[in-house]
């Protein structure tokens, strides 16, 4: 399922990232790579962006980009 459908306080495992190379490289630099665990922490008041916990760091990701990150529930 896409990360955009994740629920708050749930942890997921990243399976793949399906986006253009520039955004994909940026996500990789932030530690968002296949096999990494990611937790939905909180959405902003308007729902975009959403805060995620990745490798001990909170990162805000736009909904447009979360639609391209494929995850599985653990």
PDB file of N, CA and C in Angstrom:
ATOM      1  N   UNK A   1       0.837  -1.176   0.000  1.00  0.00           N
ATOM      2  CA  UNK A   1       0.000   0.000   0.000  1.00  0.00           C
ATOM      3  C   UNK A   1       0.884   1.241   0.000  1.00  0.00           C
ATOM      4  N   UNK A   2       0.390   2.357  -0.480  1.00  0.00           N
ATOM      5  CA  UNK A   2       1.187   3.584  -0.455  1.00  0.00           C
ATOM      6  C   UNK A   2       1.269   4.151   0.962  1.00  0.00           C
ATOM      7  N   UNK A   3       2.363   4.792   1.272  1.00  0.00           N
ATOM      8  CA  UNK A   3       2.567   5.396   2.582  1.00  0.00           C
ATOM      9  C   UNK A   3       1.518   6.459   2.878  1.00  0.00           C
ATOM     10  N   UNK A   4       0.938   7.039   1.848  1.00  0.00           N
ATOM     11  CA  UNK A   4      -0.093   8.068   2.033  1.00  0.00           C
ATOM     12  C   UNK A   4      -1.330   7.519   2.748  1.00  0.00           C
ATOM     13  N   UNK A   5      -1.516   6.198   2.740  1.00  0.00           N
ATOM     14  CA  UNK A   5      -2.664   5.585   3.409  1.00  0.00           C
ATOM     15  C   UNK A   5      -2.319   5.062   4.796  1.00  0.00           C
ATOM     16  N   UNK A   6      -1.142   5.407   5.277  1.00  0.00           N
ATOM     17  CA  UNK A   6      -0.736   4.943   6.607  1.00  0.00           C
ATOM     18  C   UNK A   6      -1.550   5.630   7.690  1.00  0.00           C
ATOM     19  N   UNK A   7      -1.647   4.957   8.823  1.00  0.00           N
ATOM     20  CA  UNK A   7      -2.419   5.465   9.957  1.00  0.00           C
ATOM     21  C   UNK A   7      -1.472   5.978  11.035  1.00  0.00           C
ATOM     22  N   UNK A   8      -1.897   6.998  11.784  1.00  0.00           N
ATOM     23  CA  UNK A   8      -1.060   7.529  12.869  1.00  0.00           C
ATOM     24  C   UNK A   8      -0.692   6.458  13.894  1.00  0.00           C
ATOM     25  N   UNK A   9       0.530   6.527  14.375  1.00  0.00           N
ATOM     26  CA  UNK A   9       1.087   5.625  15.386  1.00  0.00           C
ATOM     27  C   UNK A   9       1.244   4.182  14.915  1.00  0.00           C
ATOM     28  N   UNK A  10       1.226   3.957  13.619  1.00  0.00           N
ATOM     29  CA  UNK A  10       1.459   2.630  13.055  1.00  0.00           C
ATOM     30  C   UNK A  10       2.844   2.602  12.409  1.00  0.00           C
ATOM     31  N   UNK A  11       3.519   1.460  12.502  1.00  0.00           N
ATOM     32  CA  UNK A  11       4.847   1.297  11.919  1.00  0.00           C
ATOM     33  C   UNK A  11       4.749   0.427  10.672  1.00  0.00           C
ATOM     34  N   UNK A  12       5.533   0.784   9.664  1.00  0.00           N
ATOM     35  CA  UNK A  12       5.520   0.100   8.372  1.00  0.00           C
ATOM     36  C   UNK A  12       6.939  -0.180   7.915  1.00  0.00           C
ATOM     37  N   UNK A  13       7.067  -1.133   7.005  1.00  0.00           N
ATOM     38  CA  UNK A  13       8.360  -1.428   6.392  1.00  0.00           C
ATOM     39  C   UNK A  13       8.307  -0.934   4.951  1.00  0.00           C
ATOM     40  N   UNK A  14       9.312  -0.185   4.541  1.00  0.00           N
ATOM     41  CA  UNK A  14       9.355   0.342   3.178  1.00  0.00           C
ATOM     42  C   UNK A  14       9.740  -0.781   2.223  1.00  0.00           C
ATOM     43  N   UNK A  15       8.931  -0.963   1.179  1.00  0.00           N
ATOM     44  CA  UNK A  15       9.200  -1.986   0.178  1.00  0.00           C
ATOM     45  C   UNK A  15       9.881  -1.411  -1.052  1.00  0.00           C
ATOM     46  N   UNK A  16       9.387  -0.264  -1.533  1.00  0.00           N
ATOM     47  CA  UNK A  16       9.976   0.350  -2.722  1.00  0.00           C
ATOM     48  C   UNK A  16       9.607   1.825  -2.791  1.00  0.00           C
ATOM     49  N   UNK A  17      10.355   2.546  -3.616  1.00  0.00           N
ATOM     50  CA  UNK A  17      10.104   3.966  -3.852  1.00  0.00           C
ATOM     51  C   UNK A  17      10.002   4.149  -5.356  1.00  0.00           C
ATOM     52  N   UNK A  18       8.847   4.591  -5.820  1.00  0.00           N
ATOM     53  CA  UNK A  18       8.565   4.705  -7.251  1.00  0.00           C
ATOM     54  C   UNK A  18       8.398   6.163  -7.660  1.00  0.00           C
ATOM     55  N   UNK A  19       9.519   6.881  -7.763  1.00  0.00           N
ATOM     56  CA  UNK A  19       9.443   8.280  -8.163  1.00  0.00           C
ATOM     57  C   UNK A  19      10.661   8.651  -8.995  1.00  0.00           C
ATOM     58  N   UNK A  20      10.668   9.891  -9.470  1.00  0.00           N
ATOM     59  CA  UNK A  20      11.764  10.372 -10.297  1.00  0.00           C
ATOM     60  C   UNK A  20      13.074  10.354  -9.516  1.00  0.00           C
ATOM     61  N   UNK A  21      14.150  10.256 -10.234  1.00  0.00           N
ATOM     62  CA  UNK A  21      15.455  10.071  -9.608  1.00  0.00           C
ATOM     63  C   UNK A  21      15.837  11.194  -8.645  1.00  0.00           C
ATOM     64  N   UNK A  22      15.474  12.451  -8.921  1.00  0.00           N
ATOM     65  CA  UNK A  22      15.857  13.552  -8.044  1.00  0.00           C
ATOM     66  C   UNK A  22      15.202  13.422  -6.664  1.00  0.00           C
ATOM     67  N   UNK A  23      13.907  13.169  -6.633  1.00  0.00           N
ATOM     68  CA  UNK A  23      13.197  12.994  -5.356  1.00  0.00           C
ATOM     69  C   UNK A  23      13.653  11.697  -4.689  1.00  0.00           C
ATOM     70  N   UNK A  24      13.824  10.657  -5.474  1.00  0.00           N
ATOM     71  CA  UNK A  24      14.253   9.372  -4.926  1.00  0.00           C
ATOM     72  C   UNK A  24      15.610   9.516  -4.239  1.00  0.00           C
ATOM     73  N   UNK A  25      16.510  10.231  -4.847  1.00  0.00           N
ATOM     74  CA  UNK A  25      17.842  10.448  -4.263  1.00  0.00           C
ATOM     75  C   UNK A  25      17.726  11.213  -2.936  1.00  0.00           C
ATOM     76  N   UNK A  26      16.852  12.213  -2.903  1.00  0.00           N
ATOM     77  CA  UNK A  26      16.656  13.001  -1.682  1.00  0.00           C
ATOM     78  C   UNK A  26      16.112  12.123  -0.557  1.00  0.00           C
ATOM     79  N   UNK A  27      15.131  11.263  -0.878  1.00  0.00           N
ATOM     80  CA  UNK A  27      14.577  10.347   0.113  1.00  0.00           C
ATOM     81  C   UNK A  27      15.644   9.374   0.610  1.00  0.00           C
ATOM     82  N   UNK A  28      16.467   8.870  -0.309  1.00  0.00           N
ATOM     83  CA  UNK A  28      17.556   7.970   0.083  1.00  0.00           C
ATOM     84  C   UNK A  28      18.524   8.683   1.023  1.00  0.00           C
ATOM     85  N   UNK A  29      18.838   9.945   0.734  1.00  0.00           N
ATOM     86  CA  UNK A  29      19.742  10.720   1.588  1.00  0.00           C
ATOM     87  C   UNK A  29      19.176  10.892   3.001  1.00  0.00           C
ATOM     88  N   UNK A  30      17.849  10.914   3.124  1.00  0.00           N
ATOM     89  CA  UNK A  30      17.195  11.050   4.424  1.00  0.00           C
ATOM     90  C   UNK A  30      17.051   9.714   5.151  1.00  0.00           C
ATOM     91  N   UNK A  31      17.495   8.619   4.521  1.00  0.00           N
ATOM     92  CA  UNK A  31      17.421   7.305   5.146  1.00  0.00           C
ATOM     93  C   UNK A  31      16.159   6.540   4.822  1.00  0.00           C
ATOM     94  N   UNK A  32      15.379   7.058   3.876  1.00  0.00           N
ATOM     95  CA  UNK A  32      14.144   6.390   3.472  1.00  0.00           C
ATOM     96  C   UNK A  32      14.488   5.468   2.298  1.00  0.00           C
ATOM     97  N   UNK A  33      14.833   4.224   2.646  1.00  0.00           N
ATOM     98  CA  UNK A  33      15.236   3.240   1.644  1.00  0.00           C
ATOM     99  C   UNK A  33      14.484   1.938   1.905  1.00  0.00           C
ATOM    100  N   UNK A  34      14.377   1.082   0.883  1.00  0.00           N
ATOM    101  CA  UNK A  34      13.696  -0.199   1.088  1.00  0.00           C
ATOM    102  C   UNK A  34      14.312  -0.982   2.246  1.00  0.00           C
ATOM    103  N   UNK A  35      13.435  -1.566   3.060  1.00  0.00           N
ATOM    104  CA  UNK A  35      13.865  -2.342   4.217  1.00  0.00           C
ATOM    105  C   UNK A  35      13.854  -1.559   5.518  1.00  0.00           C
ATOM    106  N   UNK A  36      13.714  -0.235   5.424  1.00  0.00           N
ATOM    107  CA  UNK A  36      13.705   0.624   6.611  1.00  0.00           C
ATOM    108  C   UNK A  36      12.310   0.674   7.207  1.00  0.00           C
ATOM    109  N   UNK A  37      12.241   0.775   8.529  1.00  0.00           N
ATOM    110  CA  UNK A  37      10.958   0.922   9.207  1.00  0.00           C
ATOM    111  C   UNK A  37      10.623   2.404   9.330  1.00  0.00           C
ATOM    112  N   UNK A  38       9.355   2.738   9.133  1.00  0.00           N
ATOM    113  CA  UNK A  38       8.890   4.121   9.168  1.00  0.00           C
ATOM    114  C   UNK A  38       7.584   4.165   9.951  1.00  0.00           C
ATOM    115  N   UNK A  39       7.469   5.150  10.834  1.00  0.00           N
ATOM    116  CA  UNK A  39       6.272   5.261  11.672  1.00  0.00           C
ATOM    117  C   UNK A  39       5.577   6.582  11.403  1.00  0.00           C
ATOM    118  N   UNK A  40       4.283   6.527  11.167  1.00  0.00           N
ATOM    119  CA  UNK A  40       3.473   7.725  10.976  1.00  0.00           C
ATOM    120  C   UNK A  40       3.280   8.348  12.355  1.00  0.00           C
ATOM    121  N   UNK A  41       3.805   9.553  12.539  1.00  0.00           N
ATOM    122  CA  UNK A  41       3.723  10.231  13.832  1.00  0.00           C
ATOM    123  C   UNK A  41       2.501  11.127  13.899  1.00  0.00           C
ATOM    124  N   UNK A  42       2.347  11.997  12.899  1.00  0.00           N
ATOM    125  CA  UNK A  42       1.294  13.003  12.989  1.00  0.00           C
ATOM    126  C   UNK A  42       1.140  13.736  11.666  1.00  0.00           C
ATOM    127  N   UNK A  43      -0.101  14.119  11.339  1.00  0.00           N
ATOM    128  CA  UNK A  43      -0.372  14.950  10.164  1.00  0.00           C
ATOM    129  C   UNK A  43      -0.485  16.402  10.584  1.00  0.00           C
ATOM    130  N   UNK A  44      -0.157  17.289   9.671  1.00  0.00           N
ATOM    131  CA  UNK A  44      -0.343  18.706   9.961  1.00  0.00           C
ATOM    132  C   UNK A  44      -1.843  19.003   9.994  1.00  0.00           C
ATOM    133  N   UNK A  45      -2.262  20.140  10.515  1.00  0.00           N
ATOM    134  CA  UNK A  45      -3.690  20.451  10.620  1.00  0.00           C
ATOM    135  C   UNK A  45      -4.464  20.334   9.301  1.00  0.00           C
ATOM    136  N   UNK A  46      -3.813  20.662   8.196  1.00  0.00           N
ATOM    137  CA  UNK A  46      -4.487  20.555   6.896  1.00  0.00           C
ATOM    138  C   UNK A  46      -4.218  19.219   6.203  1.00  0.00           C
ATOM    139  N   UNK A  47      -3.469  18.336   6.856  1.00  0.00           N
ATOM    140  CA  UNK A  47      -3.227  16.997   6.320  1.00  0.00           C
ATOM    141  C   UNK A  47      -2.001  16.861   5.440  1.00  0.00           C
ATOM    142  N   UNK A  48      -1.294  17.936   5.185  1.00  0.00           N
ATOM    143  CA  UNK A  48      -0.112  17.867   4.338  1.00  0.00           C
ATOM    144  C   UNK A  48       0.899  18.897   4.800  1.00  0.00           C
ATOM    145  N   UNK A  49       2.102  18.544   5.156  1.00  0.00           N
ATOM    146  CA  UNK A  49       2.727  17.226   5.103  1.00  0.00           C
ATOM    147  C   UNK A  49       2.425  16.390   6.351  1.00  0.00           C
ATOM    148  N   UNK A  50       2.966  15.189   6.360  1.00  0.00           N
ATOM    149  CA  UNK A  50       2.831  14.277   7.490  1.00  0.00           C
ATOM    150  C   UNK A  50       4.211  14.035   8.082  1.00  0.00           C
ATOM    151  N   UNK A  51       4.285  13.947   9.399  1.00  0.00           N
ATOM    152  CA  UNK A  51       5.555  13.681  10.076  1.00  0.00           C
ATOM    153  C   UNK A  51       5.727  12.176  10.270  1.00  0.00           C
ATOM    154  N   UNK A  52       6.909  11.682   9.936  1.00  0.00           N
ATOM    155  CA  UNK A  52       7.242  10.268  10.072  1.00  0.00           C
ATOM    156  C   UNK A  52       8.526  10.126  10.873  1.00  0.00           C
ATOM    157  N   UNK A  53       8.603   9.053  11.650  1.00  0.00           N
ATOM    158  CA  UNK A  53       9.818   8.728  12.385  1.00  0.00           C
ATOM    159  C   UNK A  53      10.599   7.707  11.574  1.00  0.00           C
ATOM    160  N   UNK A  54      11.815   8.084  11.170  1.00  0.00           N
ATOM    161  CA  UNK A  54      12.669   7.215  10.363  1.00  0.00           C
ATOM    162  C   UNK A  54      14.060   7.207  10.985  1.00  0.00           C
ATOM    163  N   UNK A  55      14.520   6.049  11.436  1.00  0.00           N
ATOM    164  CA  UNK A  55      15.866   5.905  11.999  1.00  0.00           C
ATOM    165  C   UNK A  55      16.153   6.916  13.102  1.00  0.00           C
ATOM    166  N   UNK A  56      15.157   7.153  13.962  1.00  0.00           N
ATOM    167  CA  UNK A  56      15.339   8.041  15.093  1.00  0.00           C
ATOM    168  C   UNK A  56      15.182   9.521  14.793  1.00  0.00           C
ATOM    169  N   UNK A  57      14.807   9.866  13.576  1.00  0.00           N
ATOM    170  CA  UNK A  57      14.639  11.262  13.169  1.00  0.00           C
ATOM    171  C   UNK A  57      13.229  11.487  12.649  1.00  0.00           C
ATOM    172  N   UNK A  58      12.630  12.602  13.021  1.00  0.00           N
ATOM    173  CA  UNK A  58      11.308  12.946  12.520  1.00  0.00           C
ATOM    174  C   UNK A  58      11.469  13.732  11.214  1.00  0.00           C
ATOM    175  N   UNK A  59      10.802  13.250  10.170  1.00  0.00           N
ATOM    176  CA  UNK A  59      10.898  13.866   8.845  1.00  0.00           C
ATOM    177  C   UNK A  59       9.490  14.136   8.329  1.00  0.00           C
ATOM    178  N   UNK A  60       9.270  15.343   7.827  1.00  0.00           N
ATOM    179  CA  UNK A  60       7.979  15.693   7.224  1.00  0.00           C
ATOM    180  C   UNK A  60       8.051  15.399   5.728  1.00  0.00           C
ATOM    181  N   UNK A  61       7.054  14.655   5.243  1.00  0.00           N
ATOM    182  CA  UNK A  61       7.015  14.289   3.822  1.00  0.00           C
ATOM    183  C   UNK A  61       5.680  14.725   3.233  1.00  0.00           C
ATOM    184  N   UNK A  62       5.738  15.355   2.070  1.00  0.00           N
ATOM    185  CA  UNK A  62       4.522  15.801   1.390  1.00  0.00           C
ATOM    186  C   UNK A  62       3.685  14.613   0.932  1.00  0.00           C
ATOM    187  N   UNK A  63       2.374  14.796   0.919  1.00  0.00           N
ATOM    188  CA  UNK A  63       1.463  13.730   0.519  1.00  0.00           C
ATOM    189  C   UNK A  63       1.759  13.253  -0.898  1.00  0.00           C
ATOM    190  N   UNK A  64       2.119  14.188  -1.768  1.00  0.00           N
ATOM    191  CA  UNK A  64       2.455  13.856  -3.153  1.00  0.00           C
ATOM    192  C   UNK A  64       3.574  12.811  -3.210  1.00  0.00           C
ATOM    193  N   UNK A  65       4.558  12.942  -2.320  1.00  0.00           N
ATOM    194  CA  UNK A  65       5.675  12.004  -2.295  1.00  0.00           C
ATOM    195  C   UNK A  65       5.335  10.710  -1.560  1.00  0.00           C
ATOM    196  N   UNK A  66       4.478  10.781  -0.538  1.00  0.00           N
ATOM    197  CA  UNK A  66       4.114   9.558   0.193  1.00  0.00           C
ATOM    198  C   UNK A  66       3.308   8.599  -0.676  1.00  0.00           C
ATOM    199  N   UNK A  67       2.662   9.112  -1.702  1.00  0.00           N
ATOM    200  CA  UNK A  67       1.897   8.243  -2.608  1.00  0.00           C
ATOM    201  C   UNK A  67       2.824   7.333  -3.403  1.00  0.00           C
ATOM    202  N   UNK A  68       4.093   7.684  -3.510  1.00  0.00           N
ATOM    203  CA  UNK A  68       5.045   6.944  -4.324  1.00  0.00           C
ATOM    204  C   UNK A  68       5.906   5.982  -3.519  1.00  0.00           C
ATOM    205  N   UNK A  69       5.713   5.971  -2.188  1.00  0.00           N
ATOM    206  CA  UNK A  69       6.478   5.075  -1.319  1.00  0.00           C
ATOM    207  C   UNK A  69       5.573   3.901  -0.940  1.00  0.00           C
ATOM    208  N   UNK A  70       5.986   2.702  -1.342  1.00  0.00           N
ATOM    209  CA  UNK A  70       5.191   1.493  -1.095  1.00  0.00           C
ATOM    210  C   UNK A  70       5.669   0.844   0.209  1.00  0.00           C
ATOM    211  N   UNK A  71       4.728   0.569   1.104  1.00  0.00           N
ATOM    212  CA  UNK A  71       5.043   0.001   2.415  1.00  0.00           C
ATOM    213  C   UNK A  71       4.149  -1.202   2.710  1.00  0.00           C
ATOM    214  N   UNK A  72       4.561  -1.956   3.722  1.00  0.00           N
ATOM    215  CA  UNK A  72       3.727  -3.038   4.238  1.00  0.00           C
ATOM    216  C   UNK A  72       3.624  -2.863   5.745  1.00  0.00           C
ATOM    217  N   UNK A  73       2.486  -3.209   6.294  1.00  0.00           N
ATOM    218  CA  UNK A  73       2.276  -3.128   7.735  1.00  0.00           C
ATOM    219  C   UNK A  73       3.053  -4.236   8.423  1.00  0.00           C
ATOM    220  N   UNK A  74       3.574  -3.919   9.613  1.00  0.00           N
ATOM    221  CA  UNK A  74       4.322  -4.966  10.339  1.00  0.00           C
ATOM    222  C   UNK A  74       3.623  -5.280  11.642  1.00  0.00           C
TER     223      UNK A  74
END
